[in-house]
């Protein structure tokens, strides 16, 4: 399994995102909500949750040696994160065709409360090769 995304993603490093688990078409990443991640109502900015989920998605979409890039991503927020929370994005593949992969997952906090649902579609630059 090849995945250079974790080592090359400068934005994820800047946020302090960490890889928790990584296997083919699956990733779990985490980060701690810092004071500078808070919005005007003193909860974590939605962009932070989205960014962590997008990072986990990028990891999951690039675990098989193929290059997968996002062509669509969506998030639905269900509960806010607050300063000091440890949040986790867990993303896995749902369906796959030759060039497209649908991924979905959740963002949770340290209490395993669901903060958001995330879904995305990856375009794989090279099609799956037949085994025959």
Protein backbone atom coordinates (compact mmCIF):
# COMPACT_ATOMS: atom_id res chain seq x y z
CA UNK A 1 0.00 0.00 0.00
CA UNK A 2 1.46 3.31 -1.08
CA UNK A 3 0.36 6.61 0.42
CA UNK A 4 2.50 9.72 0.21
CA UNK A 5 -0.42 12.07 0.89
CA UNK A 6 0.21 11.96 4.65
CA UNK A 7 3.81 13.08 4.29
CA UNK A 8 3.22 15.67 1.54
CA UNK A 9 0.04 17.37 2.75
CA UNK A 10 1.35 20.66 4.14
CA UNK A 11 -2.11 21.97 5.05
CA UNK A 12 -2.87 18.91 7.19
CA UNK A 13 0.49 19.35 8.91
CA UNK A 14 -0.31 23.03 9.54
CA UNK A 15 -3.63 22.04 11.16
CA UNK A 16 -1.94 19.41 13.30
CA UNK A 17 -3.86 16.52 11.73
CA UNK A 18 -2.60 13.04 12.55
CA UNK A 19 -3.13 9.71 10.80
CA UNK A 20 -4.75 7.28 13.25
CA UNK A 21 -5.33 4.32 10.94
CA UNK A 22 -4.79 3.64 7.27
CA UNK A 23 -5.66 0.64 5.11
CA UNK A 24 -6.84 0.14 1.55
CA UNK A 25 -9.65 2.62 0.76
CA UNK A 26 -10.02 3.53 4.46
CA UNK A 27 -8.51 6.20 6.68
CA UNK A 28 -9.00 7.64 10.13
CA UNK A 29 -7.41 10.97 11.05
CA UNK A 30 -7.60 13.23 14.09
CA UNK A 31 -6.83 16.69 15.36
CA UNK A 32 -7.34 18.72 18.51
CA UNK A 33 -9.58 21.79 18.35
CA UNK A 34 -7.44 24.81 19.20
CA UNK A 35 -8.61 28.31 20.21
CA UNK A 36 -7.65 29.67 16.78
CA UNK A 37 -10.07 27.16 15.13
CA UNK A 38 -13.09 28.83 16.79
CA UNK A 39 -15.66 30.91 14.93
CA UNK A 40 -17.71 33.90 16.11
CA UNK A 41 -20.03 31.79 18.27
CA UNK A 42 -17.11 30.09 20.05
CA UNK A 43 -17.43 26.69 18.37
CA UNK A 44 -15.09 25.06 15.86
CA UNK A 45 -15.35 26.59 12.41
CA UNK A 46 -17.05 24.16 10.04
CA UNK A 47 -14.10 24.45 7.70
CA UNK A 48 -11.91 22.68 10.25
CA UNK A 49 -14.23 19.67 10.40
CA UNK A 50 -14.47 19.66 6.60
CA UNK A 51 -10.69 19.93 6.24
CA UNK A 52 -10.07 16.95 8.53
CA UNK A 53 -12.66 14.86 6.68
CA UNK A 54 -11.22 15.93 3.32
CA UNK A 55 -7.75 14.89 4.50
CA UNK A 56 -9.01 11.46 5.61
CA UNK A 57 -10.79 11.14 2.26
CA UNK A 58 -7.57 12.00 0.37
CA UNK A 59 -5.71 9.38 2.38
CA UNK A 60 -8.38 6.72 1.74
CA UNK A 61 -8.58 7.54 -1.98
CA UNK A 62 -4.82 7.12 -2.44
CA UNK A 63 -4.10 3.89 -0.57
CA UNK A 64 -4.13 1.45 -3.48
CA UNK A 65 -1.31 2.97 -5.49
CA UNK A 66 -3.74 4.82 -7.75
CA UNK A 67 -4.06 8.60 -7.78
CA UNK A 68 -7.53 9.62 -6.63
CA UNK A 69 -8.58 13.27 -6.62
CA UNK A 70 -11.78 14.84 -5.32
CA UNK A 71 -14.43 15.89 -7.80
CA UNK A 72 -17.20 16.38 -5.22
CA UNK A 73 -17.44 16.61 -1.43
CA UNK A 74 -20.29 17.32 0.96
CA UNK A 75 -20.71 17.68 4.71
CA UNK A 76 -23.72 17.84 7.02
CA UNK A 77 -23.09 19.20 10.51
CA UNK A 78 -25.02 17.66 13.40
CA UNK A 79 -23.26 18.90 16.55
CA UNK A 80 -20.57 21.52 17.22
CA UNK A 81 -17.02 20.83 18.30
CA UNK A 82 -15.53 23.04 21.01
CA UNK A 83 -12.05 24.06 22.08
CA UNK A 84 -10.14 21.12 23.51
CA UNK A 85 -12.14 18.45 21.66
CA UNK A 86 -10.19 15.73 19.90
CA UNK A 87 -12.02 15.11 16.64
CA UNK A 88 -11.76 12.11 14.34
CA UNK A 89 -12.68 11.71 10.67
CA UNK A 90 -13.24 8.12 9.58
CA UNK A 91 -13.77 7.69 5.83
CA UNK A 92 -14.18 4.53 3.74
CA UNK A 93 -15.07 3.57 0.18
CA UNK A 94 -18.72 2.74 -0.51
CA UNK A 95 -18.75 2.02 -4.25
CA UNK A 96 -16.20 1.87 -7.04
CA UNK A 97 -16.32 1.92 -10.84
CA UNK A 98 -13.35 2.05 -13.20
CA UNK A 99 -12.71 5.76 -12.71
CA UNK A 100 -14.93 6.84 -9.79
CA UNK A 101 -15.09 5.96 -6.12
CA UNK A 102 -17.76 7.06 -3.67
CA UNK A 103 -16.55 7.53 -0.10
CA UNK A 104 -18.45 8.33 3.10
CA UNK A 105 -17.87 8.63 6.81
CA UNK A 106 -18.33 10.58 9.99
CA UNK A 107 -16.55 13.15 12.08
CA UNK A 108 -16.79 12.36 15.80
CA UNK A 109 -15.38 13.74 19.03
CA UNK A 110 -13.55 11.98 21.87
CA UNK A 111 -16.94 10.96 23.35
CA UNK A 112 -17.78 9.23 20.04
CA UNK A 113 -20.57 11.75 19.40
CA UNK A 114 -21.23 12.32 15.70
CA UNK A 115 -20.41 15.91 14.75
CA UNK A 116 -20.91 15.60 10.99
CA UNK A 117 -21.47 13.25 8.07
CA UNK A 118 -19.15 13.51 5.07
CA UNK A 119 -19.38 12.10 1.54
CA UNK A 120 -17.19 12.55 -1.49
CA UNK A 121 -16.43 11.23 -4.95
CA UNK A 122 -12.90 10.52 -6.14
CA UNK A 123 -11.81 10.45 -9.76
CA UNK A 124 -9.04 7.90 -10.31
CA UNK A 125 -6.64 9.10 -12.98
CA UNK A 126 -6.00 5.58 -14.31
CA UNK A 127 -8.82 3.06 -14.81
CA UNK A 128 -8.85 -0.29 -13.05
CA UNK A 129 -6.98 -2.83 -15.16
CA UNK A 130 -8.78 -6.07 -15.90
CA UNK A 131 -7.16 -9.23 -14.53
CA UNK A 132 -7.53 -11.29 -17.66
